[in-house]
Amino acid sequence: MTTVLVVDDSKVSRLLSKQYILQRHPDWTIAEAASGEEAIDKVEAVGPDLILLDLNMPGMGGLAAVDQLQAKCPSARITLLTANVQDATREKANALGIGFAAKPITEALIDEILSAFGKQ
């Protein structure tokens, strides 16, 4: 069973991601977190295979949470999902060894992420 942790302060973004993933994979488990801190608290219990991680959130943002998420769940693939499409943000994601995807969240974007994850 594949588990995805969707981390975004926007409830709408979390719901869209969840909806598009479950349309393709109704048997997958989708967990949600609204901040980097909440994701860090949940990641060990959830044991995600894939983490969709927003960049800008109140409190701890996505890039700040990556090291702790990787330490607690090293096998999880992480994709930074953000409207901040500056080259510097892409470069930081690459340096951390995580994926990068530009919002808005659409079916096509989720398909692209799942394809890169290898579970399309």
PDB file of N, CA and C in Angstrom:
ATOM      1  N   MET A   1       0.854  -1.187   0.000  1.00  0.00           N
ATOM      2  CA  MET A   1       0.000   0.000   0.000  1.00  0.00           C
ATOM      3  C   MET A   1       0.891   1.239   0.000  1.00  0.00           C
ATOM      4  N   THR A   2       0.572   2.178  -0.850  1.00  0.00           N
ATOM      5  CA  THR A   2       1.323   3.420  -0.961  1.00  0.00           C
ATOM      6  C   THR A   2       0.648   4.494  -0.116  1.00  0.00           C
ATOM      7  N   THR A   3       1.478   5.250   0.593  1.00  0.00           N
ATOM      8  CA  THR A   3       0.982   6.338   1.432  1.00  0.00           C
ATOM      9  C   THR A   3       1.613   7.648   0.984  1.00  0.00           C
ATOM     10  N   VAL A   4       0.782   8.675   0.868  1.00  0.00           N
ATOM     11  CA  VAL A   4       1.237  10.010   0.479  1.00  0.00           C
ATOM     12  C   VAL A   4       0.903  10.968   1.613  1.00  0.00           C
ATOM     13  N   LEU A   5       1.869  11.795   1.990  1.00  0.00           N
ATOM     14  CA  LEU A   5       1.654  12.857   2.960  1.00  0.00           C
ATOM     15  C   LEU A   5       1.610  14.178   2.196  1.00  0.00           C
ATOM     16  N   VAL A   6       0.463  14.858   2.240  1.00  0.00           N
ATOM     17  CA  VAL A   6       0.284  16.136   1.559  1.00  0.00           C
ATOM     18  C   VAL A   6       0.414  17.236   2.607  1.00  0.00           C
ATOM     19  N   VAL A   7       1.434  18.088   2.441  1.00  0.00           N
ATOM     20  CA  VAL A   7       1.734  19.130   3.424  1.00  0.00           C
ATOM     21  C   VAL A   7       1.525  20.494   2.762  1.00  0.00           C
ATOM     22  N   ASP A   8       0.493  21.200   3.215  1.00  0.00           N
ATOM     23  CA  ASP A   8       0.179  22.504   2.634  1.00  0.00           C
ATOM     24  C   ASP A   8      -0.715  23.247   3.618  1.00  0.00           C
ATOM     25  N   ASP A   9      -0.467  24.522   3.812  1.00  0.00           N
ATOM     26  CA  ASP A   9      -1.318  25.294   4.710  1.00  0.00           C
ATOM     27  C   ASP A   9      -2.684  25.580   4.095  1.00  0.00           C
ATOM     28  N   SER A  10      -2.820  25.421   2.801  1.00  0.00           N
ATOM     29  CA  SER A  10      -4.095  25.624   2.117  1.00  0.00           C
ATOM     30  C   SER A  10      -4.902  24.327   2.125  1.00  0.00           C
ATOM     31  N   LYS A  11      -6.047  24.364   2.783  1.00  0.00           N
ATOM     32  CA  LYS A  11      -6.920  23.192   2.814  1.00  0.00           C
ATOM     33  C   LYS A  11      -7.367  22.825   1.396  1.00  0.00           C
ATOM     34  N   VAL A  12      -7.631  23.825   0.572  1.00  0.00           N
ATOM     35  CA  VAL A  12      -8.051  23.575  -0.806  1.00  0.00           C
ATOM     36  C   VAL A  12      -6.955  22.834  -1.572  1.00  0.00           C
ATOM     37  N   SER A  13      -5.706  23.257  -1.405  1.00  0.00           N
ATOM     38  CA  SER A  13      -4.598  22.578  -2.085  1.00  0.00           C
ATOM     39  C   SER A  13      -4.474  21.125  -1.623  1.00  0.00           C
ATOM     40  N   ARG A  14      -4.620  20.907  -0.316  1.00  0.00           N
ATOM     41  CA  ARG A  14      -4.559  19.530   0.200  1.00  0.00           C
ATOM     42  C   ARG A  14      -5.687  18.679  -0.382  1.00  0.00           C
ATOM     43  N   LEU A  15      -6.901  19.248  -0.415  1.00  0.00           N
ATOM     44  CA  LEU A  15      -8.047  18.496  -0.937  1.00  0.00           C
ATOM     45  C   LEU A  15      -7.905  18.200  -2.428  1.00  0.00           C
ATOM     46  N   LEU A  16      -7.426  19.162  -3.210  1.00  0.00           N
ATOM     47  CA  LEU A  16      -7.219  18.927  -4.640  1.00  0.00           C
ATOM     48  C   LEU A  16      -6.177  17.832  -4.873  1.00  0.00           C
ATOM     49  N   SER A  17      -5.070  17.914  -4.169  1.00  0.00           N
ATOM     50  CA  SER A  17      -4.023  16.894  -4.314  1.00  0.00           C
ATOM     51  C   SER A  17      -4.584  15.515  -3.974  1.00  0.00           C
ATOM     52  N   LYS A  18      -5.274  15.443  -2.854  1.00  0.00           N
ATOM     53  CA  LYS A  18      -5.856  14.176  -2.408  1.00  0.00           C
ATOM     54  C   LYS A  18      -6.842  13.643  -3.448  1.00  0.00           C
ATOM     55  N   GLN A  19      -7.725  14.507  -3.933  1.00  0.00           N
ATOM     56  CA  GLN A  19      -8.729  14.100  -4.917  1.00  0.00           C
ATOM     57  C   GLN A  19      -8.073  13.547  -6.176  1.00  0.00           C
ATOM     58  N   TYR A  20      -7.091  14.255  -6.720  1.00  0.00           N
ATOM     59  CA  TYR A  20      -6.462  13.822  -7.964  1.00  0.00           C
ATOM     60  C   TYR A  20      -5.682  12.519  -7.775  1.00  0.00           C
ATOM     61  N   ILE A  21      -5.033  12.358  -6.638  1.00  0.00           N
ATOM     62  CA  ILE A  21      -4.303  11.110  -6.383  1.00  0.00           C
ATOM     63  C   ILE A  21      -5.286   9.946  -6.260  1.00  0.00           C
ATOM     64  N   LEU A  22      -6.347  10.131  -5.479  1.00  0.00           N
ATOM     65  CA  LEU A  22      -7.301   9.045  -5.249  1.00  0.00           C
ATOM     66  C   LEU A  22      -8.104   8.698  -6.507  1.00  0.00           C
ATOM     67  N   GLN A  23      -8.254   9.630  -7.443  1.00  0.00           N
ATOM     68  CA  GLN A  23      -8.902   9.303  -8.721  1.00  0.00           C
ATOM     69  C   GLN A  23      -8.107   8.234  -9.460  1.00  0.00           C
ATOM     70  N   ARG A  24      -6.800   8.288  -9.332  1.00  0.00           N
ATOM     71  CA  ARG A  24      -5.929   7.339 -10.020  1.00  0.00           C
ATOM     72  C   ARG A  24      -5.630   6.104  -9.183  1.00  0.00           C
ATOM     73  N   HIS A  25      -5.579   6.298  -7.884  1.00  0.00           N
ATOM     74  CA  HIS A  25      -5.181   5.230  -6.967  1.00  0.00           C
ATOM     75  C   HIS A  25      -6.107   5.215  -5.752  1.00  0.00           C
ATOM     76  N   PRO A  26      -7.327   4.726  -5.897  1.00  0.00           N
ATOM     77  CA  PRO A  26      -8.280   4.767  -4.783  1.00  0.00           C
ATOM     78  C   PRO A  26      -7.863   3.938  -3.574  1.00  0.00           C
ATOM     79  N   ASP A  27      -6.907   3.046  -3.754  1.00  0.00           N
ATOM     80  CA  ASP A  27      -6.447   2.202  -2.646  1.00  0.00           C
ATOM     81  C   ASP A  27      -5.302   2.826  -1.856  1.00  0.00           C
ATOM     82  N   TRP A  28      -4.795   3.971  -2.283  1.00  0.00           N
ATOM     83  CA  TRP A  28      -3.699   4.618  -1.570  1.00  0.00           C
ATOM     84  C   TRP A  28      -4.226   5.327  -0.327  1.00  0.00           C
ATOM     85  N   THR A  29      -3.335   5.494   0.643  1.00  0.00           N
ATOM     86  CA  THR A  29      -3.649   6.248   1.853  1.00  0.00           C
ATOM     87  C   THR A  29      -3.084   7.652   1.710  1.00  0.00           C
ATOM     88  N   ILE A  30      -3.918   8.647   1.995  1.00  0.00           N
ATOM     89  CA  ILE A  30      -3.481  10.041   1.919  1.00  0.00           C
ATOM     90  C   ILE A  30      -3.587  10.648   3.317  1.00  0.00           C
ATOM     91  N   ALA A  31      -2.456  11.113   3.834  1.00  0.00           N
ATOM     92  CA  ALA A  31      -2.429  11.822   5.117  1.00  0.00           C
ATOM     93  C   ALA A  31      -2.182  13.294   4.812  1.00  0.00           C
ATOM     94  N   GLU A  32      -2.598  14.164   5.731  1.00  0.00           N
ATOM     95  CA  GLU A  32      -2.466  15.598   5.509  1.00  0.00           C
ATOM     96  C   GLU A  32      -1.795  16.271   6.698  1.00  0.00           C
ATOM     97  N   ALA A  33      -1.061  17.336   6.400  1.00  0.00           N
ATOM     98  CA  ALA A  33      -0.476  18.196   7.425  1.00  0.00           C
ATOM     99  C   ALA A  33      -0.563  19.625   6.904  1.00  0.00           C
ATOM    100  N   ALA A  34      -0.777  20.578   7.829  1.00  0.00           N
ATOM    101  CA  ALA A  34      -0.960  21.971   7.439  1.00  0.00           C
ATOM    102  C   ALA A  34       0.289  22.825   7.632  1.00  0.00           C
ATOM    103  N   SER A  35       1.382  22.214   8.115  1.00  0.00           N
ATOM    104  CA  SER A  35       2.621  22.972   8.340  1.00  0.00           C
ATOM    105  C   SER A  35       3.807  22.011   8.355  1.00  0.00           C
ATOM    106  N   GLY A  36       4.988  22.592   8.265  1.00  0.00           N
ATOM    107  CA  GLY A  36       6.195  21.780   8.370  1.00  0.00           C
ATOM    108  C   GLY A  36       6.286  21.070   9.707  1.00  0.00           C
ATOM    109  N   GLU A  37       5.929  21.776  10.770  1.00  0.00           N
ATOM    110  CA  GLU A  37       5.984  21.177  12.110  1.00  0.00           C
ATOM    111  C   GLU A  37       5.027  19.986  12.223  1.00  0.00           C
ATOM    112  N   GLU A  38       3.818  20.161  11.694  1.00  0.00           N
ATOM    113  CA  GLU A  38       2.838  19.070  11.751  1.00  0.00           C
ATOM    114  C   GLU A  38       3.317  17.870  10.928  1.00  0.00           C
ATOM    115  N   ALA A  39       3.932  18.141   9.789  1.00  0.00           N
ATOM    116  CA  ALA A  39       4.466  17.059   8.958  1.00  0.00           C
ATOM    117  C   ALA A  39       5.554  16.287   9.697  1.00  0.00           C
ATOM    118  N   ILE A  40       6.439  16.997  10.353  1.00  0.00           N
ATOM    119  CA  ILE A  40       7.518  16.343  11.114  1.00  0.00           C
ATOM    120  C   ILE A  40       6.933  15.493  12.235  1.00  0.00           C
ATOM    121  N   ASP A  41       5.895  16.002  12.897  1.00  0.00           N
ATOM    122  CA  ASP A  41       5.241  15.251  13.965  1.00  0.00           C
ATOM    123  C   ASP A  41       4.568  13.983  13.442  1.00  0.00           C
ATOM    124  N   LYS A  42       4.042  14.014  12.222  1.00  0.00           N
ATOM    125  CA  LYS A  42       3.262  12.903  11.671  1.00  0.00           C
ATOM    126  C   LYS A  42       4.075  11.884  10.873  1.00  0.00           C
ATOM    127  N   VAL A  43       5.210  12.291  10.363  1.00  0.00           N
ATOM    128  CA  VAL A  43       5.875  11.497   9.325  1.00  0.00           C
ATOM    129  C   VAL A  43       6.242  10.083   9.786  1.00  0.00           C
ATOM    130  N   GLU A  44       6.702   9.911  10.996  1.00  0.00           N
ATOM    131  CA  GLU A  44       7.066   8.567  11.442  1.00  0.00           C
ATOM    132  C   GLU A  44       5.846   7.666  11.572  1.00  0.00           C
ATOM    133  N   ALA A  45       4.760   8.193  12.112  1.00  0.00           N
ATOM    134  CA  ALA A  45       3.545   7.396  12.289  1.00  0.00           C
ATOM    135  C   ALA A  45       2.906   7.049  10.946  1.00  0.00           C
ATOM    136  N   VAL A  46       2.969   7.976  10.000  1.00  0.00           N
ATOM    137  CA  VAL A  46       2.339   7.789   8.697  1.00  0.00           C
ATOM    138  C   VAL A  46       3.190   6.896   7.798  1.00  0.00           C
ATOM    139  N   GLY A  47       4.504   7.054   7.862  1.00  0.00           N
ATOM    140  CA  GLY A  47       5.408   6.276   7.016  1.00  0.00           C
ATOM    141  C   GLY A  47       5.150   6.472   5.532  1.00  0.00           C
ATOM    142  N   PRO A  48       5.171   7.728   5.060  1.00  0.00           N
ATOM    143  CA  PRO A  48       4.821   7.979   3.658  1.00  0.00           C
ATOM    144  C   PRO A  48       5.878   7.485   2.678  1.00  0.00           C
ATOM    145  N   ASP A  49       5.393   7.108   1.503  1.00  0.00           N
ATOM    146  CA  ASP A  49       6.277   6.766   0.390  1.00  0.00           C
ATOM    147  C   ASP A  49       6.599   8.023  -0.414  1.00  0.00           C
ATOM    148  N   LEU A  50       5.660   8.965  -0.398  1.00  0.00           N
ATOM    149  CA  LEU A  50       5.779  10.215  -1.144  1.00  0.00           C
ATOM    150  C   LEU A  50       5.273  11.344  -0.260  1.00  0.00           C
ATOM    151  N   ILE A  51       6.004  12.463  -0.266  1.00  0.00           N
ATOM    152  CA  ILE A  51       5.581  13.663   0.462  1.00  0.00           C
ATOM    153  C   ILE A  51       5.482  14.807  -0.541  1.00  0.00           C
ATOM    154  N   LEU A  52       4.291  15.404  -0.630  1.00  0.00           N
ATOM    155  CA  LEU A  52       4.098  16.620  -1.416  1.00  0.00           C
ATOM    156  C   LEU A  52       4.183  17.771  -0.437  1.00  0.00           C
ATOM    157  N   LEU A  53       5.150  18.657  -0.617  1.00  0.00           N
ATOM    158  CA  LEU A  53       5.514  19.636   0.397  1.00  0.00           C
ATOM    159  C   LEU A  53       5.442  21.056  -0.152  1.00  0.00           C
ATOM    160  N   ASP A  54       4.547  21.851   0.421  1.00  0.00           N
ATOM    161  CA  ASP A  54       4.440  23.260   0.045  1.00  0.00           C
ATOM    162  C   ASP A  54       5.678  24.008   0.543  1.00  0.00           C
ATOM    163  N   LEU A  55       6.045  25.064  -0.141  1.00  0.00           N
ATOM    164  CA  LEU A  55       7.201  25.861   0.256  1.00  0.00           C
ATOM    165  C   LEU A  55       6.842  26.874   1.345  1.00  0.00           C
ATOM    166  N   ASN A  56       5.868  27.726   1.072  1.00  0.00           N
ATOM    167  CA  ASN A  56       5.539  28.827   1.976  1.00  0.00           C
ATOM    168  C   ASN A  56       4.350  28.466   2.858  1.00  0.00           C
ATOM    169  N   MET A  57       4.634  28.291   4.150  1.00  0.00           N
ATOM    170  CA  MET A  57       3.596  27.990   5.135  1.00  0.00           C
ATOM    171  C   MET A  57       3.916  28.767   6.403  1.00  0.00           C
ATOM    172  N   PRO A  58       2.896  29.091   7.194  1.00  0.00           N
ATOM    173  CA  PRO A  58       3.169  29.724   8.485  1.00  0.00           C
ATOM    174  C   PRO A  58       4.039  28.798   9.341  1.00  0.00           C
ATOM    175  N   GLY A  59       4.892  29.396  10.139  1.00  0.00           N
ATOM    176  CA  GLY A  59       5.808  28.576  10.939  1.00  0.00           C
ATOM    177  C   GLY A  59       6.911  28.052  10.048  1.00  0.00           C
ATOM    178  N   MET A  60       7.180  26.764  10.159  1.00  0.00           N
ATOM    179  CA  MET A  60       8.253  26.143   9.385  1.00  0.00           C
ATOM    180  C   MET A  60       7.800  25.885   7.950  1.00  0.00           C
ATOM    181  N   GLY A  61       8.511  26.459   7.009  1.00  0.00           N
ATOM    182  CA  GLY A  61       8.209  26.243   5.597  1.00  0.00           C
ATOM    183  C   GLY A  61       8.771  24.918   5.107  1.00  0.00           C
ATOM    184  N   GLY A  62       8.465  24.622   3.864  1.00  0.00           N
ATOM    185  CA  GLY A  62       8.848  23.347   3.285  1.00  0.00           C
ATOM    186  C   GLY A  62      10.337  23.067   3.259  1.00  0.00           C
ATOM    187  N   LEU A  63      11.128  24.021   2.766  1.00  0.00           N
ATOM    188  CA  LEU A  63      12.568  23.773   2.682  1.00  0.00           C
ATOM    189  C   LEU A  63      13.192  23.582   4.057  1.00  0.00           C
ATOM    190  N   ALA A  64      12.685  24.301   5.047  1.00  0.00           N
ATOM    191  CA  ALA A  64      13.218  24.159   6.406  1.00  0.00           C
ATOM    192  C   ALA A  64      12.885  22.791   7.005  1.00  0.00           C
ATOM    193  N   ALA A  65      11.805  22.177   6.542  1.00  0.00           N
ATOM    194  CA  ALA A  65      11.374  20.886   7.086  1.00  0.00           C
ATOM    195  C   ALA A  65      12.046  19.691   6.416  1.00  0.00           C
ATOM    196  N   VAL A  66      12.641  19.882   5.252  1.00  0.00           N
ATOM    197  CA  VAL A  66      13.155  18.761   4.463  1.00  0.00           C
ATOM    198  C   VAL A  66      14.146  17.898   5.236  1.00  0.00           C
ATOM    199  N   ASP A  67      15.165  18.499   5.852  1.00  0.00           N
ATOM    200  CA  ASP A  67      16.184  17.709   6.549  1.00  0.00           C
ATOM    201  C   ASP A  67      15.571  16.796   7.611  1.00  0.00           C
ATOM    202  N   GLN A  68      14.644  17.340   8.399  1.00  0.00           N
ATOM    203  CA  GLN A  68      14.034  16.538   9.460  1.00  0.00           C
ATOM    204  C   GLN A  68      13.125  15.449   8.882  1.00  0.00           C
ATOM    205  N   LEU A  69      12.409  15.766   7.811  1.00  0.00           N
ATOM    206  CA  LEU A  69      11.560  14.760   7.174  1.00  0.00           C
ATOM    207  C   LEU A  69      12.410  13.633   6.598  1.00  0.00           C
ATOM    208  N   GLN A  70      13.520  13.986   5.950  1.00  0.00           N
ATOM    209  CA  GLN A  70      14.413  12.974   5.390  1.00  0.00           C
ATOM    210  C   GLN A  70      15.047  12.126   6.492  1.00  0.00           C
ATOM    211  N   ALA A  71      15.395  12.742   7.603  1.00  0.00           N
ATOM    212  CA  ALA A  71      15.998  11.997   8.709  1.00  0.00           C
ATOM    213  C   ALA A  71      15.009  11.018   9.336  1.00  0.00           C
ATOM    214  N   LYS A  72      13.755  11.433   9.454  1.00  0.00           N
ATOM    215  CA  LYS A  72      12.742  10.587  10.088  1.00  0.00           C
ATOM    216  C   LYS A  72      12.170   9.532   9.144  1.00  0.00           C
ATOM    217  N   CYS A  73      12.225   9.806   7.850  1.00  0.00           N
ATOM    218  CA  CYS A  73      11.658   8.881   6.861  1.00  0.00           C
ATOM    219  C   CYS A  73      12.529   8.914   5.600  1.00  0.00           C
ATOM    220  N   PRO A  74      13.730   8.327   5.680  1.00  0.00           N
ATOM    221  CA  PRO A  74      14.688   8.456   4.575  1.00  0.00           C
ATOM    222  C   PRO A  74      14.245   7.825   3.258  1.00  0.00           C
ATOM    223  N   SER A  75      13.321   6.890   3.305  1.00  0.00           N
ATOM    224  CA  SER A  75      12.899   6.241   2.061  1.00  0.00           C
ATOM    225  C   SER A  75      11.834   7.027   1.309  1.00  0.00           C
ATOM    226  N   ALA A  76      11.246   8.041   1.932  1.00  0.00           N
ATOM    227  CA  ALA A  76      10.185   8.817   1.278  1.00  0.00           C
ATOM    228  C   ALA A  76      10.765   9.701   0.179  1.00  0.00           C
ATOM    229  N   ARG A  77      10.068   9.747  -0.945  1.00  0.00           N
ATOM    230  CA  ARG A  77      10.398  10.702  -1.998  1.00  0.00           C
ATOM    231  C   ARG A  77       9.668  11.990  -1.668  1.00  0.00           C
ATOM    232  N   ILE A  78      10.352  13.106  -1.786  1.00  0.00           N
ATOM    233  CA  ILE A  78       9.761  14.404  -1.469  1.00  0.00           C
ATOM    234  C   ILE A  78       9.725  15.253  -2.732  1.00  0.00           C
ATOM    235  N   THR A  79       8.577  15.880  -2.974  1.00  0.00           N
ATOM    236  CA  THR A  79       8.443  16.835  -4.069  1.00  0.00           C
ATOM    237  C   THR A  79       7.964  18.156  -3.491  1.00  0.00           C
ATOM    238  N   LEU A  80       8.735  19.204  -3.738  1.00  0.00           N
ATOM    239  CA  LEU A  80       8.353  20.553  -3.341  1.00  0.00           C
ATOM    240  C   LEU A  80       7.319  21.042  -4.340  1.00  0.00           C
ATOM    241  N   LEU A  81       6.160  21.422  -3.833  1.00  0.00           N
ATOM    242  CA  LEU A  81       5.038  21.839  -4.665  1.00  0.00           C
ATOM    243  C   LEU A  81       4.744  23.289  -4.314  1.00  0.00           C
ATOM    244  N   THR A  82       5.092  24.220  -5.223  1.00  0.00           N
ATOM    245  CA  THR A  82       5.051  25.626  -4.855  1.00  0.00           C
ATOM    246  C   THR A  82       4.713  26.540  -6.026  1.00  0.00           C
ATOM    247  N   ALA A  83       4.171  27.701  -5.698  1.00  0.00           N
ATOM    248  CA  ALA A  83       3.952  28.746  -6.699  1.00  0.00           C
ATOM    249  C   ALA A  83       5.210  29.583  -6.899  1.00  0.00           C
ATOM    250  N   ASN A  84       6.215  29.403  -6.030  1.00  0.00           N
ATOM    251  CA  ASN A  84       7.477  30.138  -6.119  1.00  0.00           C
ATOM    252  C   ASN A  84       8.381  29.412  -7.114  1.00  0.00           C
ATOM    253  N   VAL A  85       8.376  29.857  -8.352  1.00  0.00           N
ATOM    254  CA  VAL A  85       9.082  29.142  -9.412  1.00  0.00           C
ATOM    255  C   VAL A  85      10.433  29.772  -9.764  1.00  0.00           C
ATOM    256  N   GLN A  86      10.979  30.539  -8.851  1.00  0.00           N
ATOM    257  CA  GLN A  86      12.278  31.161  -9.094  1.00  0.00           C
ATOM    258  C   GLN A  86      13.363  30.091  -9.217  1.00  0.00           C
ATOM    259  N   ASP A  87      14.380  30.399 -10.020  1.00  0.00           N
ATOM    260  CA  ASP A  87      15.481  29.457 -10.204  1.00  0.00           C
ATOM    261  C   ASP A  87      16.147  29.098  -8.885  1.00  0.00           C
ATOM    262  N   ALA A  88      16.261  30.065  -7.975  1.00  0.00           N
ATOM    263  CA  ALA A  88      16.909  29.798  -6.683  1.00  0.00           C
ATOM    264  C   ALA A  88      16.149  28.728  -5.899  1.00  0.00           C
ATOM    265  N   THR A  89      14.836  28.726  -5.993  1.00  0.00           N
ATOM    266  CA  THR A  89      14.039  27.719  -5.291  1.00  0.00           C
ATOM    267  C   THR A  89      14.251  26.345  -5.915  1.00  0.00           C
ATOM    268  N   ARG A  90      14.264  26.286  -7.236  1.00  0.00           N
ATOM    269  CA  ARG A  90      14.543  25.020  -7.931  1.00  0.00           C
ATOM    270  C   ARG A  90      15.925  24.494  -7.554  1.00  0.00           C
ATOM    271  N   GLU A  91      16.908  25.393  -7.510  1.00  0.00           N
ATOM    272  CA  GLU A  91      18.275  24.998  -7.182  1.00  0.00           C
ATOM    273  C   GLU A  91      18.363  24.456  -5.758  1.00  0.00           C
ATOM    274  N   LYS A  92      17.650  25.070  -4.826  1.00  0.00           N
ATOM    275  CA  LYS A  92      17.642  24.572  -3.443  1.00  0.00           C
ATOM    276  C   LYS A  92      17.018  23.182  -3.381  1.00  0.00           C
ATOM    277  N   ALA A  93      15.926  22.993  -4.107  1.00  0.00           N
ATOM    278  CA  ALA A  93      15.280  21.673  -4.144  1.00  0.00           C
ATOM    279  C   ALA A  93      16.245  20.633  -4.712  1.00  0.00           C
ATOM    280  N   ASN A  94      16.911  20.977  -5.808  1.00  0.00           N
ATOM    281  CA  ASN A  94      17.888  20.054  -6.410  1.00  0.00           C
ATOM    282  C   ASN A  94      19.015  19.736  -5.440  1.00  0.00           C
ATOM    283  N   ALA A  95      19.517  20.748  -4.744  1.00  0.00           N
ATOM    284  CA  ALA A  95      20.619  20.552  -3.797  1.00  0.00           C
ATOM    285  C   ALA A  95      20.201  19.633  -2.648  1.00  0.00           C
ATOM    286  N   LEU A  96      18.922  19.672  -2.280  1.00  0.00           N
ATOM    287  CA  LEU A  96      18.417  18.811  -1.206  1.00  0.00           C
ATOM    288  C   LEU A  96      18.025  17.424  -1.713  1.00  0.00           C
ATOM    289  N   GLY A  97      18.081  17.224  -3.011  1.00  0.00           N
ATOM    290  CA  GLY A  97      17.744  15.924  -3.581  1.00  0.00           C
ATOM    291  C   GLY A  97      16.253  15.645  -3.615  1.00  0.00           C
ATOM    292  N   ILE A  98      15.454  16.702  -3.751  1.00  0.00           N
ATOM    293  CA  ILE A  98      14.007  16.532  -3.796  1.00  0.00           C
ATOM    294  C   ILE A  98      13.464  17.029  -5.126  1.00  0.00           C
ATOM    295  N   GLY A  99      12.265  16.586  -5.466  1.00  0.00           N
ATOM    296  CA  GLY A  99      11.623  17.022  -6.697  1.00  0.00           C
ATOM    297  C   GLY A  99      11.080  18.440  -6.571  1.00  0.00           C
ATOM    298  N   PHE A 100      10.716  18.999  -7.707  1.00  0.00           N
ATOM    299  CA  PHE A 100      10.164  20.355  -7.752  1.00  0.00           C
ATOM    300  C   PHE A 100       9.002  20.361  -8.733  1.00  0.00           C
ATOM    301  N   ALA A 101       7.867  20.914  -8.308  1.00  0.00           N
ATOM    302  CA  ALA A 101       6.708  21.047  -9.179  1.00  0.00           C
ATOM    303  C   ALA A 101       6.061  22.398  -8.919  1.00  0.00           C
ATOM    304  N   ALA A 102       5.665  23.072  -9.999  1.00  0.00           N
ATOM    305  CA  ALA A 102       5.080  24.410  -9.896  1.00  0.00           C
ATOM    306  C   ALA A 102       3.565  24.338  -9.811  1.00  0.00           C
ATOM    307  N   LYS A 103       2.999  25.039  -8.812  1.00  0.00           N
ATOM    308  CA  LYS A 103       1.551  25.173  -8.703  1.00  0.00           C
ATOM    309  C   LYS A 103       1.072  26.049  -9.850  1.00  0.00           C
ATOM    310  N   PRO A 104      -0.181  26.010 -10.214  1.00  0.00           N
ATOM    311  CA  PRO A 104      -1.315  25.513  -9.450  1.00  0.00           C
ATOM    312  C   PRO A 104      -1.437  23.989  -9.536  1.00  0.00           C
ATOM    313  N   ILE A 105      -2.146  23.438  -8.565  1.00  0.00           N
ATOM    314  CA  ILE A 105      -2.378  22.000  -8.516  1.00  0.00           C
ATOM    315  C   ILE A 105      -3.464  21.661  -9.534  1.00  0.00           C
ATOM    316  N   THR A 106      -3.086  20.810 -10.489  1.00  0.00           N
ATOM    317  CA  THR A 106      -4.005  20.356 -11.520  1.00  0.00           C
ATOM    318  C   THR A 106      -3.873  18.848 -11.645  1.00  0.00           C
ATOM    319  N   GLU A 107      -4.803  18.234 -12.353  1.00  0.00           N
ATOM    320  CA  GLU A 107      -4.686  16.798 -12.605  1.00  0.00           C
ATOM    321  C   GLU A 107      -3.385  16.489 -13.334  1.00  0.00           C
ATOM    322  N   ALA A 108      -3.046  17.318 -14.320  1.00  0.00           N
ATOM    323  CA  ALA A 108      -1.826  17.092 -15.093  1.00  0.00           C
ATOM    324  C   ALA A 108      -0.584  17.186 -14.216  1.00  0.00           C
ATOM    325  N   LEU A 109      -0.568  18.131 -13.290  1.00  0.00           N
ATOM    326  CA  LEU A 109       0.582  18.273 -12.397  1.00  0.00           C
ATOM    327  C   LEU A 109       0.718  17.046 -11.493  1.00  0.00           C
ATOM    328  N   ILE A 110      -0.386  16.588 -10.922  1.00  0.00           N
ATOM    329  CA  ILE A 110      -0.340  15.400 -10.064  1.00  0.00           C
ATOM    330  C   ILE A 110       0.095  14.186 -10.890  1.00  0.00           C
ATOM    331  N   ASP A 111      -0.396  14.067 -12.125  1.00  0.00           N
ATOM    332  CA  ASP A 111       0.047  12.978 -13.001  1.00  0.00           C
ATOM    333  C   ASP A 111       1.555  13.020 -13.206  1.00  0.00           C
ATOM    334  N   GLU A 112       2.076  14.227 -13.432  1.00  0.00           N
ATOM    335  CA  GLU A 112       3.519  14.406 -13.643  1.00  0.00           C
ATOM    336  C   GLU A 112       4.308  13.976 -12.393  1.00  0.00           C
ATOM    337  N   ILE A 113       3.845  14.380 -11.226  1.00  0.00           N
ATOM    338  CA  ILE A 113       4.517  14.008  -9.976  1.00  0.00           C
ATOM    339  C   ILE A 113       4.466  12.508  -9.768  1.00  0.00           C
ATOM    340  N   LEU A 114       3.305  11.911  -9.992  1.00  0.00           N
ATOM    341  CA  LEU A 114       3.168  10.466  -9.799  1.00  0.00           C
ATOM    342  C   LEU A 114       4.015   9.689 -10.800  1.00  0.00           C
ATOM    343  N   SER A 115       4.116  10.205 -12.020  1.00  0.00           N
ATOM    344  CA  SER A 115       4.972   9.563 -13.021  1.00  0.00           C
ATOM    345  C   SER A 115       6.431   9.600 -12.592  1.00  0.00           C
ATOM    346  N   ALA A 116       6.875  10.749 -12.083  1.00  0.00           N
ATOM    347  CA  ALA A 116       8.253  10.871 -11.605  1.00  0.00           C
ATOM    348  C   ALA A 116       8.490   9.962 -10.402  1.00  0.00           C
ATOM    349  N   PHE A 117       7.455   9.771  -9.601  1.00  0.00           N
ATOM    350  CA  PHE A 117       7.516   8.896  -8.435  1.00  0.00           C
ATOM    351  C   PHE A 117       7.566   7.436  -8.872  1.00  0.00           C
ATOM    352  N   GLY A 118       7.091   7.168 -10.092  1.00  0.00           N
ATOM    353  CA  GLY A 118       7.138   5.812 -10.604  1.00  0.00           C
ATOM    354  C   GLY A 118       5.931   4.969 -10.256  1.00  0.00           C
ATOM    355  N   LYS A 119       4.856   5.616  -9.841  1.00  0.00           N
ATOM    356  CA  LYS A 119       3.672   4.867  -9.415  1.00  0.00           C
ATOM    357  C   LYS A 119       2.430   5.305 -10.182  1.00  0.00           C
ATOM    358  N   GLN A 120       2.594   5.852 -11.359  1.00  0.00           N
ATOM    359  CA  GLN A 120       1.455   6.369 -12.121  1.00  0.00           C
ATOM    360  C   GLN A 120       0.479   5.300 -12.496  1.00  0.00           C
TER     361      GLN A 120
END
